[in-house]
Amino acid sequence: MPPPTDSPNRAPLPSHTLPIGQALAGSGPLVALTQRLRASQARLDSLLPLLAPGMRPFVKAGPIDDAGWTLLATNSAVSAKLRQMLPALEAHLRSCGWPSLPIRVKILSRD
């Protein structure tokens, strides 16, 4: 017996529903948010070679705004090491051509 084509528990989408890509591209605030997310991840990607390989999985890109950029650490030990490295990390970003923004370090909550 072939599988059903529609899930019986899901209502069909309205005909005016846009694919997510179109919705993101058509909304100014969502475009700006997407650009900030990409910039934050690109900054982290440029810093990863400076981090010890064992430390890399515990660091995440956080929010970026006009006041600075946040690195998210999954535990206090990684957070402490990142804080020690801040001058070198900021200098590396400047040498890569990124606009100078202070880096904030925060610990991800486990909620």
PDB file of N, CA and C in Angstrom:
ATOM      1  N   MET A   1       0.837  -1.172   0.000  1.00  0.00           N
ATOM      2  CA  MET A   1       0.000   0.000   0.000  1.00  0.00           C
ATOM      3  C   MET A   1       0.887   1.242   0.000  1.00  0.00           C
ATOM      4  N   PRO A   2       0.694   2.185  -0.922  1.00  0.00           N
ATOM      5  CA  PRO A   2       1.548   3.373  -0.984  1.00  0.00           C
ATOM      6  C   PRO A   2       1.275   4.303   0.201  1.00  0.00           C
ATOM      7  N   PRO A   3       2.301   5.066   0.617  1.00  0.00           N
ATOM      8  CA  PRO A   3       2.108   5.988   1.745  1.00  0.00           C
ATOM      9  C   PRO A   3       1.162   7.111   1.340  1.00  0.00           C
ATOM     10  N   PRO A   4       0.428   7.637   2.313  1.00  0.00           N
ATOM     11  CA  PRO A   4      -0.480   8.735   1.995  1.00  0.00           C
ATOM     12  C   PRO A   4       0.318   9.963   1.561  1.00  0.00           C
ATOM     13  N   THR A   5      -0.251  10.740   0.658  1.00  0.00           N
ATOM     14  CA  THR A   5       0.441  11.922   0.141  1.00  0.00           C
ATOM     15  C   THR A   5       0.330  13.097   1.094  1.00  0.00           C
ATOM     16  N   ASP A   6      -0.692  13.151   1.897  1.00  0.00           N
ATOM     17  CA  ASP A   6      -0.870  14.231   2.858  1.00  0.00           C
ATOM     18  C   ASP A   6      -0.992  13.645   4.253  1.00  0.00           C
ATOM     19  N   SER A   7      -0.400  14.319   5.217  1.00  0.00           N
ATOM     20  CA  SER A   7      -0.517  13.877   6.589  1.00  0.00           C
ATOM     21  C   SER A   7      -1.931  14.163   7.082  1.00  0.00           C
ATOM     22  N   PRO A   8      -2.595  13.197   7.683  1.00  0.00           N
ATOM     23  CA  PRO A   8      -3.964  13.433   8.122  1.00  0.00           C
ATOM     24  C   PRO A   8      -4.060  14.437   9.272  1.00  0.00           C
ATOM     25  N   ASN A   9      -2.968  14.659  10.001  1.00  0.00           N
ATOM     26  CA  ASN A   9      -3.002  15.575  11.142  1.00  0.00           C
ATOM     27  C   ASN A   9      -2.610  17.005  10.774  1.00  0.00           C
ATOM     28  N   ARG A  10      -2.210  17.237   9.542  1.00  0.00           N
ATOM     29  CA  ARG A  10      -1.756  18.553   9.143  1.00  0.00           C
ATOM     30  C   ARG A  10      -2.748  19.170   8.166  1.00  0.00           C
ATOM     31  N   ALA A  11      -3.147  20.398   8.460  1.00  0.00           N
ATOM     32  CA  ALA A  11      -4.055  21.112   7.561  1.00  0.00           C
ATOM     33  C   ALA A  11      -3.265  21.583   6.344  1.00  0.00           C
ATOM     34  N   PRO A  12      -3.893  21.623   5.197  1.00  0.00           N
ATOM     35  CA  PRO A  12      -3.184  22.122   4.016  1.00  0.00           C
ATOM     36  C   PRO A  12      -2.838  23.601   4.189  1.00  0.00           C
ATOM     37  N   LEU A  13      -1.721  24.007   3.579  1.00  0.00           N
ATOM     38  CA  LEU A  13      -1.305  25.400   3.657  1.00  0.00           C
ATOM     39  C   LEU A  13      -2.195  26.269   2.779  1.00  0.00           C
ATOM     40  N   PRO A  14      -2.447  27.488   3.189  1.00  0.00           N
ATOM     41  CA  PRO A  14      -3.231  28.390   2.349  1.00  0.00           C
ATOM     42  C   PRO A  14      -2.513  28.638   1.022  1.00  0.00           C
ATOM     43  N   SER A  15      -3.277  28.944   0.002  1.00  0.00           N
ATOM     44  CA  SER A  15      -2.690  29.114  -1.333  1.00  0.00           C
ATOM     45  C   SER A  15      -1.754  30.317  -1.408  1.00  0.00           C
ATOM     46  N   HIS A  16      -1.882  31.292  -0.521  1.00  0.00           N
ATOM     47  CA  HIS A  16      -1.029  32.476  -0.552  1.00  0.00           C
ATOM     48  C   HIS A  16       0.250  32.321   0.276  1.00  0.00           C
ATOM     49  N   THR A  17       0.545  31.131   0.771  1.00  0.00           N
ATOM     50  CA  THR A  17       1.730  30.886   1.579  1.00  0.00           C
ATOM     51  C   THR A  17       2.984  30.950   0.706  1.00  0.00           C
ATOM     52  N   LEU A  18       4.001  31.680   1.186  1.00  0.00           N
ATOM     53  CA  LEU A  18       5.261  31.821   0.464  1.00  0.00           C
ATOM     54  C   LEU A  18       6.288  30.822   0.982  1.00  0.00           C
ATOM     55  N   PRO A  19       7.149  30.340   0.104  1.00  0.00           N
ATOM     56  CA  PRO A  19       8.281  29.544   0.587  1.00  0.00           C
ATOM     57  C   PRO A  19       9.153  30.413   1.504  1.00  0.00           C
ATOM     58  N   ILE A  20       9.844  29.799   2.456  1.00  0.00           N
ATOM     59  CA  ILE A  20      10.610  30.534   3.452  1.00  0.00           C
ATOM     60  C   ILE A  20      11.648  31.446   2.816  1.00  0.00           C
ATOM     61  N   GLY A  21      12.294  31.006   1.752  1.00  0.00           N
ATOM     62  CA  GLY A  21      13.298  31.834   1.079  1.00  0.00           C
ATOM     63  C   GLY A  21      12.703  33.122   0.538  1.00  0.00           C
ATOM     64  N   GLN A  22      11.527  33.027  -0.057  1.00  0.00           N
ATOM     65  CA  GLN A  22      10.862  34.213  -0.576  1.00  0.00           C
ATOM     66  C   GLN A  22      10.424  35.130   0.552  1.00  0.00           C
ATOM     67  N   ALA A  23       9.930  34.568   1.629  1.00  0.00           N
ATOM     68  CA  ALA A  23       9.492  35.379   2.767  1.00  0.00           C
ATOM     69  C   ALA A  23      10.670  36.139   3.368  1.00  0.00           C
ATOM     70  N   LEU A  24      11.810  35.465   3.506  1.00  0.00           N
ATOM     71  CA  LEU A  24      12.992  36.121   4.055  1.00  0.00           C
ATOM     72  C   LEU A  24      13.476  37.240   3.142  1.00  0.00           C
ATOM     73  N   ALA A  25      13.493  36.980   1.839  1.00  0.00           N
ATOM     74  CA  ALA A  25      13.982  37.970   0.886  1.00  0.00           C
ATOM     75  C   ALA A  25      13.042  39.161   0.761  1.00  0.00           C
ATOM     76  N   GLY A  26      11.773  38.977   1.049  1.00  0.00           N
ATOM     77  CA  GLY A  26      10.794  40.038   0.878  1.00  0.00           C
ATOM     78  C   GLY A  26      10.574  40.905   2.098  1.00  0.00           C
ATOM     79  N   SER A  27      11.254  40.627   3.172  1.00  0.00           N
ATOM     80  CA  SER A  27      11.055  41.384   4.402  1.00  0.00           C
ATOM     81  C   SER A  27      12.357  42.078   4.796  1.00  0.00           C
ATOM     82  N   GLY A  28      12.338  43.398   4.826  1.00  0.00           N
ATOM     83  CA  GLY A  28      13.528  44.163   5.193  1.00  0.00           C
ATOM     84  C   GLY A  28      14.122  43.758   6.532  1.00  0.00           C
ATOM     85  N   PRO A  29      13.310  43.680   7.590  1.00  0.00           N
ATOM     86  CA  PRO A  29      13.884  43.281   8.888  1.00  0.00           C
ATOM     87  C   PRO A  29      14.458  41.861   8.873  1.00  0.00           C
ATOM     88  N   LEU A  30      13.821  40.947   8.148  1.00  0.00           N
ATOM     89  CA  LEU A  30      14.351  39.578   8.089  1.00  0.00           C
ATOM     90  C   LEU A  30      15.625  39.509   7.259  1.00  0.00           C
ATOM     91  N   VAL A  31      15.729  40.330   6.218  1.00  0.00           N
ATOM     92  CA  VAL A  31      16.958  40.394   5.424  1.00  0.00           C
ATOM     93  C   VAL A  31      18.099  40.900   6.303  1.00  0.00           C
ATOM     94  N   ALA A  32      17.835  41.960   7.084  1.00  0.00           N
ATOM     95  CA  ALA A  32      18.864  42.506   7.972  1.00  0.00           C
ATOM     96  C   ALA A  32      19.285  41.478   9.026  1.00  0.00           C
ATOM     97  N   LEU A  33      18.318  40.751   9.571  1.00  0.00           N
ATOM     98  CA  LEU A  33      18.631  39.716  10.558  1.00  0.00           C
ATOM     99  C   LEU A  33      19.485  38.613   9.940  1.00  0.00           C
ATOM    100  N   THR A  34      19.133  38.183   8.751  1.00  0.00           N
ATOM    101  CA  THR A  34      19.891  37.141   8.057  1.00  0.00           C
ATOM    102  C   THR A  34      21.322  37.612   7.795  1.00  0.00           C
ATOM    103  N   GLN A  35      21.484  38.863   7.405  1.00  0.00           N
ATOM    104  CA  GLN A  35      22.829  39.405   7.159  1.00  0.00           C
ATOM    105  C   GLN A  35      23.647  39.444   8.444  1.00  0.00           C
ATOM    106  N   ARG A  36      23.020  39.836   9.559  1.00  0.00           N
ATOM    107  CA  ARG A  36      23.741  39.858  10.835  1.00  0.00           C
ATOM    108  C   ARG A  36      24.143  38.453  11.274  1.00  0.00           C
ATOM    109  N   LEU A  37      23.247  37.483  11.067  1.00  0.00           N
ATOM    110  CA  LEU A  37      23.573  36.097  11.418  1.00  0.00           C
ATOM    111  C   LEU A  37      24.753  35.590  10.608  1.00  0.00           C
ATOM    112  N   ARG A  38      24.751  35.888   9.312  1.00  0.00           N
ATOM    113  CA  ARG A  38      25.860  35.455   8.448  1.00  0.00           C
ATOM    114  C   ARG A  38      27.164  36.150   8.835  1.00  0.00           C
ATOM    115  N   ALA A  39      27.099  37.456   9.138  1.00  0.00           N
ATOM    116  CA  ALA A  39      28.306  38.189   9.542  1.00  0.00           C
ATOM    117  C   ALA A  39      28.864  37.625  10.845  1.00  0.00           C
ATOM    118  N   SER A  40      28.001  37.297  11.780  1.00  0.00           N
ATOM    119  CA  SER A  40      28.440  36.740  13.051  1.00  0.00           C
ATOM    120  C   SER A  40      29.137  35.397  12.835  1.00  0.00           C
ATOM    121  N   GLN A  41      28.548  34.532  12.032  1.00  0.00           N
ATOM    122  CA  GLN A  41      29.153  33.229  11.771  1.00  0.00           C
ATOM    123  C   GLN A  41      30.459  33.373  10.992  1.00  0.00           C
ATOM    124  N   ALA A  42      30.519  34.317  10.062  1.00  0.00           N
ATOM    125  CA  ALA A  42      31.750  34.526   9.297  1.00  0.00           C
ATOM    126  C   ALA A  42      32.881  35.007  10.203  1.00  0.00           C
ATOM    127  N   ARG A  43      32.564  35.873  11.160  1.00  0.00           N
ATOM    128  CA  ARG A  43      33.579  36.309  12.124  1.00  0.00           C
ATOM    129  C   ARG A  43      34.108  35.114  12.921  1.00  0.00           C
ATOM    130  N   LEU A  44      33.198  34.285  13.397  1.00  0.00           N
ATOM    131  CA  LEU A  44      33.631  33.110  14.154  1.00  0.00           C
ATOM    132  C   LEU A  44      34.488  32.200  13.285  1.00  0.00           C
ATOM    133  N   ASP A  45      34.078  31.990  12.045  1.00  0.00           N
ATOM    134  CA  ASP A  45      34.851  31.129  11.144  1.00  0.00           C
ATOM    135  C   ASP A  45      36.275  31.644  10.966  1.00  0.00           C
ATOM    136  N   SER A  46      36.445  32.979  10.938  1.00  0.00           N
ATOM    137  CA  SER A  46      37.795  33.518  10.768  1.00  0.00           C
ATOM    138  C   SER A  46      38.632  33.367  12.039  1.00  0.00           C
ATOM    139  N   LEU A  47      37.965  33.242  13.210  1.00  0.00           N
ATOM    140  CA  LEU A  47      38.693  33.077  14.468  1.00  0.00           C
ATOM    141  C   LEU A  47      39.012  31.627  14.808  1.00  0.00           C
ATOM    142  N   LEU A  48      38.301  30.695  14.238  1.00  0.00           N
ATOM    143  CA  LEU A  48      38.472  29.288  14.621  1.00  0.00           C
ATOM    144  C   LEU A  48      39.917  28.801  14.554  1.00  0.00           C
ATOM    145  N   PRO A  49      40.718  29.207  13.558  1.00  0.00           N
ATOM    146  CA  PRO A  49      42.114  28.737  13.558  1.00  0.00           C
ATOM    147  C   PRO A  49      42.918  29.195  14.776  1.00  0.00           C
ATOM    148  N   LEU A  50      42.479  30.257  15.451  1.00  0.00           N
ATOM    149  CA  LEU A  50      43.191  30.732  16.640  1.00  0.00           C
ATOM    150  C   LEU A  50      42.833  29.938  17.889  1.00  0.00           C
ATOM    151  N   LEU A  51      41.736  29.216  17.831  1.00  0.00           N
ATOM    152  CA  LEU A  51      41.270  28.446  18.990  1.00  0.00           C
ATOM    153  C   LEU A  51      41.847  27.038  18.958  1.00  0.00           C
ATOM    154  N   ALA A  52      42.125  26.512  20.129  1.00  0.00           N
ATOM    155  CA  ALA A  52      42.596  25.126  20.220  1.00  0.00           C
ATOM    156  C   ALA A  52      41.514  24.201  19.652  1.00  0.00           C
ATOM    157  N   PRO A  53      41.906  23.155  18.916  1.00  0.00           N
ATOM    158  CA  PRO A  53      40.910  22.265  18.323  1.00  0.00           C
ATOM    159  C   PRO A  53      39.902  21.716  19.328  1.00  0.00           C
ATOM    160  N   GLY A  54      40.338  21.418  20.540  1.00  0.00           N
ATOM    161  CA  GLY A  54      39.424  20.891  21.545  1.00  0.00           C
ATOM    162  C   GLY A  54      38.438  21.924  22.071  1.00  0.00           C
ATOM    163  N   MET A  55      38.725  23.178  21.833  1.00  0.00           N
ATOM    164  CA  MET A  55      37.883  24.267  22.327  1.00  0.00           C
ATOM    165  C   MET A  55      36.804  24.668  21.309  1.00  0.00           C
ATOM    166  N   ARG A  56      37.074  24.455  20.047  1.00  0.00           N
ATOM    167  CA  ARG A  56      36.204  24.931  18.966  1.00  0.00           C
ATOM    168  C   ARG A  56      34.741  24.496  19.083  1.00  0.00           C
ATOM    169  N   PRO A  57      34.439  23.247  19.430  1.00  0.00           N
ATOM    170  CA  PRO A  57      33.028  22.857  19.502  1.00  0.00           C
ATOM    171  C   PRO A  57      32.249  23.557  20.617  1.00  0.00           C
ATOM    172  N   PHE A  58      32.957  24.197  21.533  1.00  0.00           N
ATOM    173  CA  PHE A  58      32.308  24.817  22.682  1.00  0.00           C
ATOM    174  C   PHE A  58      32.116  26.323  22.528  1.00  0.00           C
ATOM    175  N   VAL A  59      32.397  26.834  21.325  1.00  0.00           N
ATOM    176  CA  VAL A  59      32.252  28.261  21.049  1.00  0.00           C
ATOM    177  C   VAL A  59      31.265  28.429  19.905  1.00  0.00           C
ATOM    178  N   LYS A  60      30.296  29.307  20.101  1.00  0.00           N
ATOM    179  CA  LYS A  60      29.253  29.568  19.101  1.00  0.00           C
ATOM    180  C   LYS A  60      29.222  31.052  18.774  1.00  0.00           C
ATOM    181  N   ALA A  61      28.807  31.375  17.573  1.00  0.00           N
ATOM    182  CA  ALA A  61      28.616  32.768  17.179  1.00  0.00           C
ATOM    183  C   ALA A  61      27.339  33.284  17.819  1.00  0.00           C
ATOM    184  N   GLY A  62      27.436  34.452  18.411  1.00  0.00           N
ATOM    185  CA  GLY A  62      26.274  35.064  19.038  1.00  0.00           C
ATOM    186  C   GLY A  62      25.827  36.300  18.290  1.00  0.00           C
ATOM    187  N   PRO A  63      24.993  37.110  18.917  1.00  0.00           N
ATOM    188  CA  PRO A  63      24.458  38.299  18.263  1.00  0.00           C
ATOM    189  C   PRO A  63      25.544  39.330  17.933  1.00  0.00           C
ATOM    190  N   ILE A  64      25.300  40.064  16.875  1.00  0.00           N
ATOM    191  CA  ILE A  64      26.166  41.174  16.486  1.00  0.00           C
ATOM    192  C   ILE A  64      25.280  42.407  16.314  1.00  0.00           C
ATOM    193  N   ASP A  65      25.767  43.530  16.825  1.00  0.00           N
ATOM    194  CA  ASP A  65      25.030  44.786  16.690  1.00  0.00           C
ATOM    195  C   ASP A  65      26.042  45.924  16.639  1.00  0.00           C
ATOM    196  N   ASP A  66      25.566  47.153  16.671  1.00  0.00           N
ATOM    197  CA  ASP A  66      26.465  48.307  16.587  1.00  0.00           C
ATOM    198  C   ASP A  66      27.379  48.425  17.799  1.00  0.00           C
ATOM    199  N   ALA A  67      26.988  47.857  18.925  1.00  0.00           N
ATOM    200  CA  ALA A  67      27.774  47.964  20.159  1.00  0.00           C
ATOM    201  C   ALA A  67      28.824  46.872  20.293  1.00  0.00           C
ATOM    202  N   GLY A  68      28.730  45.799  19.532  1.00  0.00           N
ATOM    203  CA  GLY A  68      29.708  44.732  19.636  1.00  0.00           C
ATOM    204  C   GLY A  68      29.200  43.405  19.115  1.00  0.00           C
ATOM    205  N   TRP A  69      30.022  42.400  19.314  1.00  0.00           N
ATOM    206  CA  TRP A  69      29.728  41.042  18.860  1.00  0.00           C
ATOM    207  C   TRP A  69      29.893  40.108  20.051  1.00  0.00           C
ATOM    208  N   THR A  70      29.014  39.135  20.153  1.00  0.00           N
ATOM    209  CA  THR A  70      29.040  38.210  21.278  1.00  0.00           C
ATOM    210  C   THR A  70      29.503  36.831  20.842  1.00  0.00           C
ATOM    211  N   LEU A  71      30.466  36.304  21.591  1.00  0.00           N
ATOM    212  CA  LEU A  71      30.855  34.910  21.464  1.00  0.00           C
ATOM    213  C   LEU A  71      30.176  34.160  22.599  1.00  0.00           C
ATOM    214  N   LEU A  72      29.590  33.036  22.284  1.00  0.00           N
ATOM    215  CA  LEU A  72      28.887  32.232  23.279  1.00  0.00           C
ATOM    216  C   LEU A  72      29.734  31.009  23.617  1.00  0.00           C
ATOM    217  N   ALA A  73      29.996  30.828  24.888  1.00  0.00           N
ATOM    218  CA  ALA A  73      30.771  29.677  25.372  1.00  0.00           C
ATOM    219  C   ALA A  73      29.809  28.726  26.076  1.00  0.00           C
ATOM    220  N   THR A  74      30.060  27.436  25.914  1.00  0.00           N
ATOM    221  CA  THR A  74      29.160  26.459  26.522  1.00  0.00           C
ATOM    222  C   THR A  74      29.495  26.166  27.980  1.00  0.00           C
ATOM    223  N   ASN A  75      30.644  26.657  28.449  1.00  0.00           N
ATOM    224  CA  ASN A  75      30.976  26.449  29.869  1.00  0.00           C
ATOM    225  C   ASN A  75      31.917  27.552  30.342  1.00  0.00           C
ATOM    226  N   SER A  76      32.101  27.633  31.644  1.00  0.00           N
ATOM    227  CA  SER A  76      32.882  28.722  32.218  1.00  0.00           C
ATOM    228  C   SER A  76      34.373  28.630  31.893  1.00  0.00           C
ATOM    229  N   ALA A  77      34.904  27.425  31.735  1.00  0.00           N
ATOM    230  CA  ALA A  77      36.325  27.292  31.405  1.00  0.00           C
ATOM    231  C   ALA A  77      36.613  27.874  30.022  1.00  0.00           C
ATOM    232  N   VAL A  78      35.761  27.575  29.057  1.00  0.00           N
ATOM    233  CA  VAL A  78      35.934  28.120  27.702  1.00  0.00           C
ATOM    234  C   VAL A  78      35.729  29.631  27.733  1.00  0.00           C
ATOM    235  N   SER A  79      34.766  30.077  28.498  1.00  0.00           N
ATOM    236  CA  SER A  79      34.520  31.511  28.624  1.00  0.00           C
ATOM    237  C   SER A  79      35.755  32.232  29.170  1.00  0.00           C
ATOM    238  N   ALA A  80      36.374  31.671  30.189  1.00  0.00           N
ATOM    239  CA  ALA A  80      37.565  32.284  30.786  1.00  0.00           C
ATOM    240  C   ALA A  80      38.713  32.341  29.783  1.00  0.00           C
ATOM    241  N   LYS A  81      38.902  31.278  29.035  1.00  0.00           N
ATOM    242  CA  LYS A  81      39.977  31.260  28.036  1.00  0.00           C
ATOM    243  C   LYS A  81      39.707  32.280  26.936  1.00  0.00           C
ATOM    244  N   LEU A  82      38.456  32.389  26.487  1.00  0.00           N
ATOM    245  CA  LEU A  82      38.118  33.384  25.463  1.00  0.00           C
ATOM    246  C   LEU A  82      38.401  34.795  25.966  1.00  0.00           C
ATOM    247  N   ARG A  83      38.069  35.062  27.230  1.00  0.00           N
ATOM    248  CA  ARG A  83      38.320  36.390  27.792  1.00  0.00           C
ATOM    249  C   ARG A  83      39.820  36.707  27.822  1.00  0.00           C
ATOM    250  N   GLN A  84      40.641  35.696  28.095  1.00  0.00           N
ATOM    251  CA  GLN A  84      42.095  35.885  28.062  1.00  0.00           C
ATOM    252  C   GLN A  84      42.564  36.205  26.649  1.00  0.00           C
ATOM    253  N   MET A  85      41.897  35.630  25.663  1.00  0.00           N
ATOM    254  CA  MET A  85      42.313  35.772  24.272  1.00  0.00           C
ATOM    255  C   MET A  85      41.722  37.000  23.573  1.00  0.00           C
ATOM    256  N   LEU A  86      40.853  37.751  24.235  1.00  0.00           N
ATOM    257  CA  LEU A  86      40.140  38.846  23.577  1.00  0.00           C
ATOM    258  C   LEU A  86      41.043  39.808  22.802  1.00  0.00           C
ATOM    259  N   PRO A  87      42.142  40.299  23.379  1.00  0.00           N
ATOM    260  CA  PRO A  87      42.973  41.225  22.591  1.00  0.00           C
ATOM    261  C   PRO A  87      43.473  40.597  21.279  1.00  0.00           C
ATOM    262  N   ALA A  88      43.891  39.349  21.329  1.00  0.00           N
ATOM    263  CA  ALA A  88      44.379  38.681  20.121  1.00  0.00           C
ATOM    264  C   ALA A  88      43.243  38.438  19.127  1.00  0.00           C
ATOM    265  N   LEU A  89      42.069  38.066  19.629  1.00  0.00           N
ATOM    266  CA  LEU A  89      40.929  37.815  18.738  1.00  0.00           C
ATOM    267  C   LEU A  89      40.492  39.094  18.041  1.00  0.00           C
ATOM    268  N   GLU A  90      40.408  40.200  18.801  1.00  0.00           N
ATOM    269  CA  GLU A  90      40.016  41.473  18.208  1.00  0.00           C
ATOM    270  C   GLU A  90      41.051  41.945  17.191  1.00  0.00           C
ATOM    271  N   ALA A  91      42.333  41.780  17.505  1.00  0.00           N
ATOM    272  CA  ALA A  91      43.393  42.172  16.565  1.00  0.00           C
ATOM    273  C   ALA A  91      43.316  41.330  15.288  1.00  0.00           C
ATOM    274  N   HIS A  92      43.043  40.044  15.430  1.00  0.00           N
ATOM    275  CA  HIS A  92      42.939  39.179  14.255  1.00  0.00           C
ATOM    276  C   HIS A  92      41.778  39.611  13.363  1.00  0.00           C
ATOM    277  N   LEU A  93      40.651  39.920  13.953  1.00  0.00           N
ATOM    278  CA  LEU A  93      39.504  40.372  13.152  1.00  0.00           C
ATOM    279  C   LEU A  93      39.823  41.661  12.411  1.00  0.00           C
ATOM    280  N   ARG A  94      40.509  42.602  13.072  1.00  0.00           N
ATOM    281  CA  ARG A  94      40.898  43.847  12.403  1.00  0.00           C
ATOM    282  C   ARG A  94      41.846  43.555  11.244  1.00  0.00           C
ATOM    283  N   SER A  95      42.797  42.635  11.457  1.00  0.00           N
ATOM    284  CA  SER A  95      43.756  42.313  10.391  1.00  0.00           C
ATOM    285  C   SER A  95      43.088  41.613   9.212  1.00  0.00           C
ATOM    286  N   CYS A  96      41.935  40.998   9.467  1.00  0.00           N
ATOM    287  CA  CYS A  96      41.174  40.355   8.388  1.00  0.00           C
ATOM    288  C   CYS A  96      40.233  41.335   7.683  1.00  0.00           C
ATOM    289  N   GLY A  97      40.208  42.593   8.155  1.00  0.00           N
ATOM    290  CA  GLY A  97      39.380  43.599   7.514  1.00  0.00           C
ATOM    291  C   GLY A  97      38.002  43.795   8.109  1.00  0.00           C
ATOM    292  N   TRP A  98      37.709  43.108   9.201  1.00  0.00           N
ATOM    293  CA  TRP A  98      36.415  43.293   9.848  1.00  0.00           C
ATOM    294  C   TRP A  98      36.394  44.633  10.565  1.00  0.00           C
ATOM    295  N   PRO A  99      35.254  45.322  10.555  1.00  0.00           N
ATOM    296  CA  PRO A  99      35.158  46.567  11.332  1.00  0.00           C
ATOM    297  C   PRO A  99      35.428  46.282  12.815  1.00  0.00           C
ATOM    298  N   SER A 100      36.077  47.227  13.456  1.00  0.00           N
ATOM    299  CA  SER A 100      36.440  47.052  14.858  1.00  0.00           C
ATOM    300  C   SER A 100      35.196  47.123  15.745  1.00  0.00           C
ATOM    301  N   LEU A 101      34.889  46.027  16.382  1.00  0.00           N
ATOM    302  CA  LEU A 101      33.789  45.938  17.343  1.00  0.00           C
ATOM    303  C   LEU A 101      34.299  45.210  18.571  1.00  0.00           C
ATOM    304  N   PRO A 102      33.938  45.671  19.749  1.00  0.00           N
ATOM    305  CA  PRO A 102      34.338  44.912  20.942  1.00  0.00           C
ATOM    306  C   PRO A 102      33.657  43.546  20.960  1.00  0.00           C
ATOM    307  N   ILE A 103      34.378  42.571  21.487  1.00  0.00           N
ATOM    308  CA  ILE A 103      33.831  41.219  21.610  1.00  0.00           C
ATOM    309  C   ILE A 103      33.363  41.023  23.042  1.00  0.00           C
ATOM    310  N   ARG A 104      32.122  40.567  23.174  1.00  0.00           N
ATOM    311  CA  ARG A 104      31.572  40.186  24.474  1.00  0.00           C
ATOM    312  C   ARG A 104      31.603  38.661  24.546  1.00  0.00           C
ATOM    313  N   VAL A 105      31.828  38.133  25.725  1.00  0.00           N
ATOM    314  CA  VAL A 105      31.813  36.681  25.920  1.00  0.00           C
ATOM    315  C   VAL A 105      30.729  36.380  26.935  1.00  0.00           C
ATOM    316  N   LYS A 106      29.839  35.479  26.570  1.00  0.00           N
ATOM    317  CA  LYS A 106      28.761  35.067  27.472  1.00  0.00           C
ATOM    318  C   LYS A 106      28.704  33.554  27.516  1.00  0.00           C
ATOM    319  N   ILE A 107      28.225  33.044  28.637  1.00  0.00           N
ATOM    320  CA  ILE A 107      28.067  31.601  28.791  1.00  0.00           C
ATOM    321  C   ILE A 107      26.631  31.236  28.427  1.00  0.00           C
ATOM    322  N   LEU A 108      26.494  30.242  27.576  1.00  0.00           N
ATOM    323  CA  LEU A 108      25.157  29.762  27.208  1.00  0.00           C
ATOM    324  C   LEU A 108      24.506  29.112  28.411  1.00  0.00           C
ATOM    325  N   SER A 109      23.282  29.453  28.649  1.00  0.00           N
ATOM    326  CA  SER A 109      22.564  28.804  29.749  1.00  0.00           C
ATOM    327  C   SER A 109      22.100  27.436  29.300  1.00  0.00           C
ATOM    328  N   ARG A 110      21.894  26.559  30.234  1.00  0.00           N
ATOM    329  CA  ARG A 110      21.496  25.179  29.913  1.00  0.00           C
ATOM    330  C   ARG A 110      20.015  24.962  30.080  1.00  0.00           C
ATOM    331  N   ASP A 111      19.237  26.021  30.014  1.00  0.00           N
ATOM    332  CA  ASP A 111      17.774  25.905  30.184  1.00  0.00           C
ATOM    333  C   ASP A 111      17.139  25.172  29.043  1.00  0.00           C
TER     334      ASP A 111
END
